[in-house]
Amino acid sequence: MAKITVDGIELGYELTGSGTPIVWLQGARSPRHLMRPIAEPLVAKGYQCLLYDRRNCGESDILIAGEKSEQEIWVDELAALVRELDLGPAYFGGWSAGCRVAILTAIRYPELVRGLLLGWVTGGQEAATRLANEYYGQFIKAAKEGGMEAVTKMPFFADRIKMNPGNKQRLLSMDPAQFIEVMAGWERYFTEAGDLPVIGATEADLAGITAPTCIVAGDDAVHPTKAAQDLHRIVPGSEYHGPPIPHAEFDAFPSFEERDRVRAERTLDTFLAFLEKVEAKRVPA
């Protein structure tokens, strides 16, 4: 595993292939390996793919701090990583949380973005409420009831510690009150975003995106089809594709690995056709 220090945080990453670069961003706060099923066939087609673990995810360092939301911190960190690896401008693609990070990167750092490959757009009040608790609320409750020792035993953080043992001491050294304050701020970012077209981005923000954009819809409570349709309506010149995985099937997968493998299989041709079309237009006459 390669590691790189960005803004004082050590990040685990993989950079494979050569050619036009694509940054693949996993959903939730998951490890980067979930994006290998979409990255590997594109490497075989002549693209260069970057996978990495965002801070507080996978094998990267944990740091619960900052006045910005965690999502905004991820975007700033990603921009610094892309510059450090000299990959920009690149395509940015991903599912769910990764989709949100890609969108915000296009808004905040348009000079780094060659195009967007977006799947399972997050939007709506139910998504905002559910994710706020999943990402932050449950850990605030643990810290209030048992301090930082209790936080380290929560399955999410226990996995992060297993992947990166130094994360245990990073968590234990935190003042529980400070942990709760930061996490509560990050939680509010979601609970207050239910009326936005996409969590973290206003309609005006999205209307300003100029990068070529391909959107593949979801079909579940966190990734309602309407969120993808609204994004398509707002982002100028974007391309829309309906849900490749119906709601009942999406909720029935036995693991995240299996679900993301199927996502990759059913979106690969769509994204590849879009990439070829956009890149063909860049070739001088």
C-alpha atoms as a PDB file:
ATOM      1  CA  MET A   1       0.000   0.000   0.000  1.00  0.00           C
ATOM      2  CA  ALA A   2       1.289   3.464  -0.922  1.00  0.00           C
ATOM      3  CA  LYS A   3       0.874   6.298   1.568  1.00  0.00           C
ATOM      4  CA  ILE A   4       1.137  10.037   1.153  1.00  0.00           C
ATOM      5  CA  THR A   5       0.910  12.879   3.667  1.00  0.00           C
ATOM      6  CA  VAL A   6      -1.554  15.614   2.746  1.00  0.00           C
ATOM      7  CA  ASP A   7      -2.313  18.487   5.113  1.00  0.00           C
ATOM      8  CA  GLY A   8      -0.684  16.542   7.948  1.00  0.00           C
ATOM      9  CA  ILE A   9      -2.800  13.422   7.379  1.00  0.00           C
ATOM     10  CA  GLU A  10      -1.345  10.158   6.083  1.00  0.00           C
ATOM     11  CA  LEU A  11      -3.602   8.766   3.348  1.00  0.00           C
ATOM     12  CA  GLY A  12      -3.565   5.280   1.857  1.00  0.00           C
ATOM     13  CA  TYR A  13      -3.867   5.284  -1.918  1.00  0.00           C
ATOM     14  CA  GLU A  14      -3.415   3.271  -5.142  1.00  0.00           C
ATOM     15  CA  LEU A  15      -2.466   4.795  -8.492  1.00  0.00           C
ATOM     16  CA  THR A  16      -2.528   2.362 -11.407  1.00  0.00           C
ATOM     17  CA  GLY A  17      -2.439   2.508 -15.176  1.00  0.00           C
ATOM     18  CA  SER A  18      -1.514   5.326 -17.516  1.00  0.00           C
ATOM     19  CA  GLY A  19      -3.350   7.741 -19.730  1.00  0.00           C
ATOM     20  CA  THR A  20      -6.236  10.060 -18.890  1.00  0.00           C
ATOM     21  CA  PRO A  21      -6.627  10.123 -15.074  1.00  0.00           C
ATOM     22  CA  ILE A  22      -9.812   9.193 -13.210  1.00  0.00           C
ATOM     23  CA  VAL A  23     -10.235   9.604  -9.442  1.00  0.00           C
ATOM     24  CA  TRP A  24     -12.706   7.024  -8.071  1.00  0.00           C
ATOM     25  CA  LEU A  25     -14.468   7.860  -4.805  1.00  0.00           C
ATOM     26  CA  GLN A  26     -16.174   5.189  -2.724  1.00  0.00           C
ATOM     27  CA  GLY A  27     -19.520   5.556  -1.003  1.00  0.00           C
ATOM     28  CA  ALA A  28     -20.217   6.081   2.699  1.00  0.00           C
ATOM     29  CA  ARG A  29     -17.006   6.185   4.767  1.00  0.00           C
ATOM     30  CA  SER A  30     -15.830   2.936   3.228  1.00  0.00           C
ATOM     31  CA  PRO A  31     -12.347   1.701   2.235  1.00  0.00           C
ATOM     32  CA  ARG A  32     -11.079   2.362  -1.272  1.00  0.00           C
ATOM     33  CA  HIS A  33     -11.032  -1.312  -2.332  1.00  0.00           C
ATOM     34  CA  LEU A  34     -14.764  -1.102  -3.053  1.00  0.00           C
ATOM     35  CA  MET A  35     -13.942   0.956  -6.164  1.00  0.00           C
ATOM     36  CA  ARG A  36     -11.540  -1.589  -7.683  1.00  0.00           C
ATOM     37  CA  PRO A  37     -14.324  -3.294  -9.695  1.00  0.00           C
ATOM     38  CA  ILE A  38     -14.918  -0.068 -11.654  1.00  0.00           C
ATOM     39  CA  ALA A  39     -11.281   1.073 -11.757  1.00  0.00           C
ATOM     40  CA  GLU A  40      -9.597  -2.141 -12.916  1.00  0.00           C
ATOM     41  CA  PRO A  41     -11.448  -2.552 -16.246  1.00  0.00           C
ATOM     42  CA  LEU A  42     -10.833   1.118 -17.033  1.00  0.00           C
ATOM     43  CA  VAL A  43      -7.112   0.694 -16.376  1.00  0.00           C
ATOM     44  CA  ALA A  44      -7.255  -2.170 -18.861  1.00  0.00           C
ATOM     45  CA  LYS A  45      -8.857   0.250 -21.358  1.00  0.00           C
ATOM     46  CA  GLY A  46      -5.955   2.679 -21.082  1.00  0.00           C
ATOM     47  CA  TYR A  47      -6.994   5.004 -18.260  1.00  0.00           C
ATOM     48  CA  GLN A  48      -5.050   5.882 -15.109  1.00  0.00           C
ATOM     49  CA  CYS A  49      -7.074   5.387 -11.913  1.00  0.00           C
ATOM     50  CA  LEU A  50      -6.553   6.785  -8.423  1.00  0.00           C
ATOM     51  CA  LEU A  51      -8.238   5.168  -5.420  1.00  0.00           C
ATOM     52  CA  TYR A  52      -7.623   6.510  -1.923  1.00  0.00           C
ATOM     53  CA  ASP A  53      -8.980   6.366   1.600  1.00  0.00           C
ATOM     54  CA  ARG A  54     -10.338   9.699   2.751  1.00  0.00           C
ATOM     55  CA  ARG A  55      -9.349  10.780   6.229  1.00  0.00           C
ATOM     56  CA  ASN A  56     -11.350   8.879   8.873  1.00  0.00           C
ATOM     57  CA  CYS A  57     -11.864   6.085   6.324  1.00  0.00           C
ATOM     58  CA  GLY A  58     -10.084   2.850   5.462  1.00  0.00           C
ATOM     59  CA  GLU A  59      -6.353   2.764   6.195  1.00  0.00           C
ATOM     60  CA  SER A  60      -5.907   6.535   6.412  1.00  0.00           C
ATOM     61  CA  ASP A  61      -5.420   8.525   9.600  1.00  0.00           C
ATOM     62  CA  ILE A  62      -8.316   9.616  11.768  1.00  0.00           C
ATOM     63  CA  LEU A  63      -8.615  13.299  12.625  1.00  0.00           C
ATOM     64  CA  ILE A  64     -11.880  14.537  14.113  1.00  0.00           C
ATOM     65  CA  ALA A  65     -11.277  18.275  13.962  1.00  0.00           C
ATOM     66  CA  GLY A  66     -11.984  21.388  11.939  1.00  0.00           C
ATOM     67  CA  GLU A  67     -14.629  24.066  11.612  1.00  0.00           C
ATOM     68  CA  LYS A  68     -15.755  22.938   8.146  1.00  0.00           C
ATOM     69  CA  SER A  69     -17.953  19.900   7.561  1.00  0.00           C
ATOM     70  CA  GLU A  70     -16.187  16.582   7.073  1.00  0.00           C
ATOM     71  CA  GLN A  71     -17.394  16.547   3.471  1.00  0.00           C
ATOM     72  CA  GLU A  72     -15.819  19.961   2.769  1.00  0.00           C
ATOM     73  CA  ILE A  73     -12.593  18.842   4.462  1.00  0.00           C
ATOM     74  CA  TRP A  74     -12.542  15.765   2.200  1.00  0.00           C
ATOM     75  CA  VAL A  75     -12.880  17.985  -0.872  1.00  0.00           C
ATOM     76  CA  ASP A  76     -10.020  20.292   0.151  1.00  0.00           C
ATOM     77  CA  GLU A  77      -7.889  17.264   0.996  1.00  0.00           C
ATOM     78  CA  LEU A  78      -8.676  15.649  -2.359  1.00  0.00           C
ATOM     79  CA  ALA A  79      -7.695  18.782  -4.256  1.00  0.00           C
ATOM     80  CA  ALA A  80      -4.372  18.840  -2.401  1.00  0.00           C
ATOM     81  CA  LEU A  81      -3.832  15.120  -3.142  1.00  0.00           C
ATOM     82  CA  VAL A  82      -4.525  15.531  -6.870  1.00  0.00           C
ATOM     83  CA  ARG A  83      -2.083  18.424  -7.005  1.00  0.00           C
ATOM     84  CA  GLU A  84       0.534  16.492  -5.044  1.00  0.00           C
ATOM     85  CA  LEU A  85       0.282  13.586  -7.506  1.00  0.00           C
ATOM     86  CA  ASP A  86       0.110  15.987 -10.478  1.00  0.00           C
ATOM     87  CA  LEU A  87      -3.049  14.363 -11.858  1.00  0.00           C
ATOM     88  CA  GLY A  88      -5.232  17.341 -12.696  1.00  0.00           C
ATOM     89  CA  PRO A  89      -7.318  17.964 -14.586  1.00  0.00           C
ATOM     90  CA  ALA A  90      -8.861  14.524 -14.026  1.00  0.00           C
ATOM     91  CA  TYR A  91     -12.250  12.875 -14.198  1.00  0.00           C
ATOM     92  CA  PHE A  92     -13.870  12.423 -10.784  1.00  0.00           C
ATOM     93  CA  GLY A  93     -16.331   9.600 -10.291  1.00  0.00           C
ATOM     94  CA  GLY A  94     -18.041   7.740  -7.485  1.00  0.00           C
ATOM     95  CA  TRP A  95     -21.119   6.454  -5.721  1.00  0.00           C
ATOM     96  CA  SER A  96     -23.173   8.170  -3.023  1.00  0.00           C
ATOM     97  CA  ALA A  97     -20.725   9.964  -0.665  1.00  0.00           C
ATOM     98  CA  GLY A  98     -18.098   9.684  -3.392  1.00  0.00           C
ATOM     99  CA  CYS A  99     -20.549  11.252  -5.820  1.00  0.00           C
ATOM    100  CA  ARG A 100     -21.058  14.157  -3.392  1.00  0.00           C
ATOM    101  CA  VAL A 101     -17.301  14.673  -3.022  1.00  0.00           C
ATOM    102  CA  ALA A 102     -16.884  14.662  -6.816  1.00  0.00           C
ATOM    103  CA  ILE A 103     -19.661  17.226  -7.249  1.00  0.00           C
ATOM    104  CA  LEU A 104     -18.249  19.532  -4.580  1.00  0.00           C
ATOM    105  CA  THR A 105     -14.784  19.242  -6.116  1.00  0.00           C
ATOM    106  CA  ALA A 106     -16.211  20.452  -9.437  1.00  0.00           C
ATOM    107  CA  ILE A 107     -17.824  23.376  -7.616  1.00  0.00           C
ATOM    108  CA  ARG A 108     -14.854  24.368  -5.448  1.00  0.00           C
ATOM    109  CA  TYR A 109     -11.940  23.362  -7.721  1.00  0.00           C
ATOM    110  CA  PRO A 110     -13.209  23.443 -11.319  1.00  0.00           C
ATOM    111  CA  GLU A 111      -9.679  23.772 -12.683  1.00  0.00           C
ATOM    112  CA  LEU A 112      -8.921  20.225 -11.466  1.00  0.00           C
ATOM    113  CA  VAL A 113     -11.998  18.583 -13.011  1.00  0.00           C
ATOM    114  CA  ARG A 114     -12.013  17.234 -16.569  1.00  0.00           C
ATOM    115  CA  GLY A 115     -15.425  15.598 -16.175  1.00  0.00           C
ATOM    116  CA  LEU A 116     -17.782  13.898 -13.702  1.00  0.00           C
ATOM    117  CA  LEU A 117     -18.915  10.251 -13.561  1.00  0.00           C
ATOM    118  CA  LEU A 118     -21.674  10.242 -10.952  1.00  0.00           C
ATOM    119  CA  GLY A 119     -23.697   7.355  -9.567  1.00  0.00           C
ATOM    120  CA  TRP A 120     -26.334   7.052  -6.826  1.00  0.00           C
ATOM    121  CA  VAL A 121     -26.894  10.732  -6.117  1.00  0.00           C
ATOM    122  CA  THR A 122     -27.834  11.455  -2.501  1.00  0.00           C
ATOM    123  CA  GLY A 123     -30.720  13.794  -1.763  1.00  0.00           C
ATOM    124  CA  GLY A 124     -33.863  14.384   0.281  1.00  0.00           C
ATOM    125  CA  GLN A 125     -34.744  14.699   3.937  1.00  0.00           C
ATOM    126  CA  GLU A 126     -34.811  10.967   4.648  1.00  0.00           C
ATOM    127  CA  ALA A 127     -31.265  10.597   3.314  1.00  0.00           C
ATOM    128  CA  ALA A 128     -30.066  13.616   5.289  1.00  0.00           C
ATOM    129  CA  THR A 129     -31.554  12.331   8.555  1.00  0.00           C
ATOM    130  CA  ARG A 130     -30.443   8.736   8.109  1.00  0.00           C
ATOM    131  CA  LEU A 131     -26.871   9.600   7.105  1.00  0.00           C
ATOM    132  CA  ALA A 132     -26.491  12.181   9.869  1.00  0.00           C
ATOM    133  CA  ASN A 133     -27.089   9.462  12.455  1.00  0.00           C
ATOM    134  CA  GLU A 134     -25.087   6.799  10.623  1.00  0.00           C
ATOM    135  CA  TYR A 135     -22.034   9.021  10.200  1.00  0.00           C
ATOM    136  CA  TYR A 136     -22.180  11.053  13.407  1.00  0.00           C
ATOM    137  CA  GLY A 137     -25.161  10.676  15.732  1.00  0.00           C
ATOM    138  CA  GLN A 138     -24.371   7.141  16.912  1.00  0.00           C
ATOM    139  CA  PHE A 139     -20.788   8.132  17.775  1.00  0.00           C
ATOM    140  CA  ILE A 140     -21.887  11.244  19.659  1.00  0.00           C
ATOM    141  CA  LYS A 141     -24.146   9.006  21.751  1.00  0.00           C
ATOM    142  CA  ALA A 142     -21.282   6.571  22.437  1.00  0.00           C
ATOM    143  CA  ALA A 143     -18.934   9.383  23.502  1.00  0.00           C
ATOM    144  CA  LYS A 144     -21.538  10.834  25.841  1.00  0.00           C
ATOM    145  CA  GLU A 145     -22.201   7.465  27.465  1.00  0.00           C
ATOM    146  CA  GLY A 146     -18.718   5.943  27.618  1.00  0.00           C
ATOM    147  CA  GLY A 147     -16.109   8.471  26.506  1.00  0.00           C
ATOM    148  CA  MET A 148     -13.518   7.840  23.819  1.00  0.00           C
ATOM    149  CA  GLU A 149     -12.932   4.231  24.908  1.00  0.00           C
ATOM    150  CA  ALA A 150     -16.534   3.494  23.957  1.00  0.00           C
ATOM    151  CA  VAL A 151     -16.034   5.221  20.596  1.00  0.00           C
ATOM    152  CA  THR A 152     -13.043   2.985  19.768  1.00  0.00           C
ATOM    153  CA  LYS A 153     -15.235  -0.084  20.324  1.00  0.00           C
ATOM    154  CA  MET A 154     -17.936   0.973  17.877  1.00  0.00           C
ATOM    155  CA  PRO A 155     -17.736  -1.327  14.815  1.00  0.00           C
ATOM    156  CA  PHE A 156     -16.885   1.502  12.401  1.00  0.00           C
ATOM    157  CA  PHE A 157     -13.958   2.828  14.421  1.00  0.00           C
ATOM    158  CA  ALA A 158     -12.853  -0.659  15.480  1.00  0.00           C
ATOM    159  CA  ASP A 159     -12.432  -1.459  11.775  1.00  0.00           C
ATOM    160  CA  ARG A 160     -10.476   1.764  11.196  1.00  0.00           C
ATOM    161  CA  ILE A 161      -8.182   0.814  14.082  1.00  0.00           C
ATOM    162  CA  LYS A 162      -7.700  -2.680  12.686  1.00  0.00           C
ATOM    163  CA  MET A 163      -6.653  -1.171   9.336  1.00  0.00           C
ATOM    164  CA  ASN A 164      -4.486   1.524  10.932  1.00  0.00           C
ATOM    165  CA  PRO A 165      -3.524   0.688  14.565  1.00  0.00           C
ATOM    166  CA  GLY A 166      -2.301   4.218  15.235  1.00  0.00           C
ATOM    167  CA  ASN A 167      -5.897   5.401  14.986  1.00  0.00           C
ATOM    168  CA  LYS A 168      -6.672   3.987  18.430  1.00  0.00           C
ATOM    169  CA  GLN A 169      -4.349   6.379  20.214  1.00  0.00           C
ATOM    170  CA  ARG A 170      -5.500   9.251  18.025  1.00  0.00           C
ATOM    171  CA  LEU A 171      -9.040   8.664  19.239  1.00  0.00           C
ATOM    172  CA  LEU A 172      -8.158   7.986  22.872  1.00  0.00           C
ATOM    173  CA  SER A 173      -6.122  11.197  23.051  1.00  0.00           C
ATOM    174  CA  MET A 174      -9.172  13.289  22.107  1.00  0.00           C
ATOM    175  CA  ASP A 175     -11.194  15.178  24.698  1.00  0.00           C
ATOM    176  CA  PRO A 176     -14.691  13.632  24.485  1.00  0.00           C
ATOM    177  CA  ALA A 177     -16.286  17.065  24.682  1.00  0.00           C
ATOM    178  CA  GLN A 178     -14.255  18.261  21.696  1.00  0.00           C
ATOM    179  CA  PHE A 179     -15.076  15.076  19.777  1.00  0.00           C
ATOM    180  CA  ILE A 180     -18.782  15.592  20.458  1.00  0.00           C
ATOM    181  CA  GLU A 181     -18.627  19.251  19.425  1.00  0.00           C
ATOM    182  CA  VAL A 182     -16.960  18.520  16.087  1.00  0.00           C
ATOM    183  CA  MET A 183     -19.172  15.552  15.295  1.00  0.00           C
ATOM    184  CA  ALA A 184     -22.295  17.560  16.181  1.00  0.00           C
ATOM    185  CA  GLY A 185     -21.239  20.239  13.703  1.00  0.00           C
ATOM    186  CA  TRP A 186     -20.706  17.636  11.004  1.00  0.00           C
ATOM    187  CA  GLU A 187     -24.092  16.115  11.866  1.00  0.00           C
ATOM    188  CA  ARG A 188     -25.842  19.489  11.428  1.00  0.00           C
ATOM    189  CA  TYR A 189     -24.358  19.767   7.947  1.00  0.00           C
ATOM    190  CA  PHE A 190     -26.547  16.801   6.972  1.00  0.00           C
ATOM    191  CA  THR A 191     -29.681  17.486   8.991  1.00  0.00           C
ATOM    192  CA  GLU A 192     -29.897  20.997   7.539  1.00  0.00           C
ATOM    193  CA  ALA A 193     -29.358  19.808   3.945  1.00  0.00           C
ATOM    194  CA  GLY A 194     -32.541  17.828   3.352  1.00  0.00           C
ATOM    195  CA  ASP A 195     -34.082  20.504   1.136  1.00  0.00           C
ATOM    196  CA  LEU A 196     -31.033  20.881  -1.121  1.00  0.00           C
ATOM    197  CA  PRO A 197     -30.967  19.161  -4.534  1.00  0.00           C
ATOM    198  CA  VAL A 198     -27.830  17.303  -3.429  1.00  0.00           C
ATOM    199  CA  ILE A 199     -26.570  17.220   0.158  1.00  0.00           C
ATOM    200  CA  GLY A 200     -23.959  19.958   0.408  1.00  0.00           C
ATOM    201  CA  ALA A 201     -24.755  21.830  -2.827  1.00  0.00           C
ATOM    202  CA  THR A 202     -27.329  24.487  -3.668  1.00  0.00           C
ATOM    203  CA  GLU A 203     -29.078  24.746  -7.030  1.00  0.00           C
ATOM    204  CA  ALA A 204     -26.941  27.799  -7.840  1.00  0.00           C
ATOM    205  CA  ASP A 205     -23.764  25.836  -7.036  1.00  0.00           C
ATOM    206  CA  LEU A 206     -24.817  22.982  -9.302  1.00  0.00           C
ATOM    207  CA  ALA A 207     -25.900  25.270 -12.135  1.00  0.00           C
ATOM    208  CA  GLY A 208     -22.359  26.645 -12.218  1.00  0.00           C
ATOM    209  CA  ILE A 209     -20.747  23.268 -13.016  1.00  0.00           C
ATOM    210  CA  THR A 210     -19.169  23.408 -16.467  1.00  0.00           C
ATOM    211  CA  ALA A 211     -17.448  19.997 -16.566  1.00  0.00           C
ATOM    212  CA  PRO A 212     -19.007  17.301 -18.803  1.00  0.00           C
ATOM    213  CA  THR A 213     -21.220  15.256 -16.490  1.00  0.00           C
ATOM    214  CA  CYS A 214     -22.655  11.726 -16.688  1.00  0.00           C
ATOM    215  CA  ILE A 215     -25.300  10.797 -14.084  1.00  0.00           C
ATOM    216  CA  VAL A 216     -26.513   7.290 -13.230  1.00  0.00           C
ATOM    217  CA  ALA A 217     -29.538   7.270 -10.937  1.00  0.00           C
ATOM    218  CA  GLY A 218     -30.177   5.273  -7.802  1.00  0.00           C
ATOM    219  CA  ASP A 219     -33.525   3.898  -6.693  1.00  0.00           C
ATOM    220  CA  ASP A 220     -33.668   3.760  -2.891  1.00  0.00           C
ATOM    221  CA  ALA A 221     -34.407   5.975   0.095  1.00  0.00           C
ATOM    222  CA  VAL A 222     -30.898   7.433   0.354  1.00  0.00           C
ATOM    223  CA  HIS A 223     -30.375   7.719  -3.415  1.00  0.00           C
ATOM    224  CA  PRO A 224     -33.846   8.516  -4.792  1.00  0.00           C
ATOM    225  CA  THR A 225     -34.213   8.656  -8.548  1.00  0.00           C
ATOM    226  CA  LYS A 226     -35.563  12.192  -8.191  1.00  0.00           C
ATOM    227  CA  ALA A 227     -32.212  13.411  -6.816  1.00  0.00           C
ATOM    228  CA  ALA A 228     -30.440  12.262  -9.982  1.00  0.00           C
ATOM    229  CA  GLN A 229     -33.180  13.697 -12.187  1.00  0.00           C
ATOM    230  CA  ASP A 230     -32.968  17.046 -10.386  1.00  0.00           C
ATOM    231  CA  LEU A 231     -29.193  17.062 -10.743  1.00  0.00           C
ATOM    232  CA  HIS A 232     -29.548  16.373 -14.471  1.00  0.00           C
ATOM    233  CA  ARG A 233     -32.069  19.203 -14.796  1.00  0.00           C
ATOM    234  CA  ILE A 234     -29.768  21.677 -13.057  1.00  0.00           C
ATOM    235  CA  VAL A 235     -26.294  20.808 -14.382  1.00  0.00           C
ATOM    236  CA  PRO A 236     -25.973  22.263 -17.891  1.00  0.00           C
ATOM    237  CA  GLY A 237     -25.497  19.697 -20.651  1.00  0.00           C
ATOM    238  CA  SER A 238     -25.421  16.716 -18.300  1.00  0.00           C
ATOM    239  CA  GLU A 239     -26.232  13.188 -19.474  1.00  0.00           C
ATOM    240  CA  TYR A 240     -28.776  11.102 -17.512  1.00  0.00           C
ATOM    241  CA  HIS A 241     -29.234   7.329 -17.199  1.00  0.00           C
ATOM    242  CA  GLY A 242     -31.963   5.591 -15.218  1.00  0.00           C
ATOM    243  CA  PRO A 243     -31.357   3.241 -12.263  1.00  0.00           C
ATOM    244  CA  PRO A 244     -29.428   0.087 -13.263  1.00  0.00           C
ATOM    245  CA  ILE A 245     -30.283  -1.546  -9.910  1.00  0.00           C
ATOM    246  CA  PRO A 246     -33.930  -1.500  -8.733  1.00  0.00           C
ATOM    247  CA  HIS A 247     -34.750  -0.727  -5.117  1.00  0.00           C
ATOM    248  CA  ALA A 248     -35.589  -4.292  -4.036  1.00  0.00           C
ATOM    249  CA  GLU A 249     -32.370  -5.683  -5.480  1.00  0.00           C
ATOM    250  CA  PHE A 250     -30.229  -2.853  -4.074  1.00  0.00           C
ATOM    251  CA  ASP A 251     -31.403  -3.524  -0.514  1.00  0.00           C
ATOM    252  CA  ALA A 252     -30.923  -7.297  -0.830  1.00  0.00           C
ATOM    253  CA  PHE A 253     -27.173  -7.530  -1.506  1.00  0.00           C
ATOM    254  CA  PRO A 254     -25.367  -9.628   1.140  1.00  0.00           C
ATOM    255  CA  SER A 255     -22.383  -7.252   1.388  1.00  0.00           C
ATOM    256  CA  PHE A 256     -21.057  -3.859   0.311  1.00  0.00           C
ATOM    257  CA  GLU A 257     -18.485  -5.691  -1.809  1.00  0.00           C
ATOM    258  CA  GLU A 258     -21.138  -7.540  -3.794  1.00  0.00           C
ATOM    259  CA  ARG A 259     -23.268  -4.434  -4.220  1.00  0.00           C
ATOM    260  CA  ASP A 260     -20.366  -2.357  -5.523  1.00  0.00           C
ATOM    261  CA  ARG A 261     -19.265  -5.158  -7.845  1.00  0.00           C
ATOM    262  CA  VAL A 262     -22.715  -5.116  -9.461  1.00  0.00           C
ATOM    263  CA  ARG A 263     -22.730  -1.313  -9.575  1.00  0.00           C
ATOM    264  CA  ALA A 264     -19.446  -1.449 -11.474  1.00  0.00           C
ATOM    265  CA  GLU A 265     -20.686  -4.100 -13.900  1.00  0.00           C
ATOM    266  CA  ARG A 266     -23.844  -2.178 -14.751  1.00  0.00           C
ATOM    267  CA  THR A 267     -22.302   1.272 -15.113  1.00  0.00           C
ATOM    268  CA  LEU A 268     -18.996   0.424 -16.807  1.00  0.00           C
ATOM    269  CA  ASP A 269     -20.264   0.554 -20.393  1.00  0.00           C
ATOM    270  CA  THR A 270     -22.190   3.765 -19.719  1.00  0.00           C
ATOM    271  CA  PHE A 271     -19.175   5.521 -18.243  1.00  0.00           C
ATOM    272  CA  LEU A 272     -16.799   4.142 -20.877  1.00  0.00           C
ATOM    273  CA  ALA A 273     -19.015   5.370 -23.727  1.00  0.00           C
ATOM    274  CA  PHE A 274     -19.260   8.790 -22.076  1.00  0.00           C
ATOM    275  CA  LEU A 275     -15.483   9.001 -21.590  1.00  0.00           C
ATOM    276  CA  GLU A 276     -14.814   8.045 -25.206  1.00  0.00           C
ATOM    277  CA  LYS A 277     -17.336  10.587 -26.473  1.00  0.00           C
ATOM    278  CA  VAL A 278     -15.974  13.439 -24.343  1.00  0.00           C
ATOM    279  CA  GLU A 279     -12.343  12.623 -25.063  1.00  0.00           C
ATOM    280  CA  ALA A 280     -13.026  12.391 -28.796  1.00  0.00           C
ATOM    281  CA  LYS A 281     -14.262  15.977 -28.733  1.00  0.00           C
ATOM    282  CA  ARG A 282     -10.972  17.085 -27.190  1.00  0.00           C
ATOM    283  CA  VAL A 283      -8.903  15.790 -30.110  1.00  0.00           C
ATOM    284  CA  PRO A 284      -7.922  18.721 -32.386  1.00  0.00           C
ATOM    285  CA  ALA A 285      -9.422  18.578 -35.868  1.00  0.00           C
END
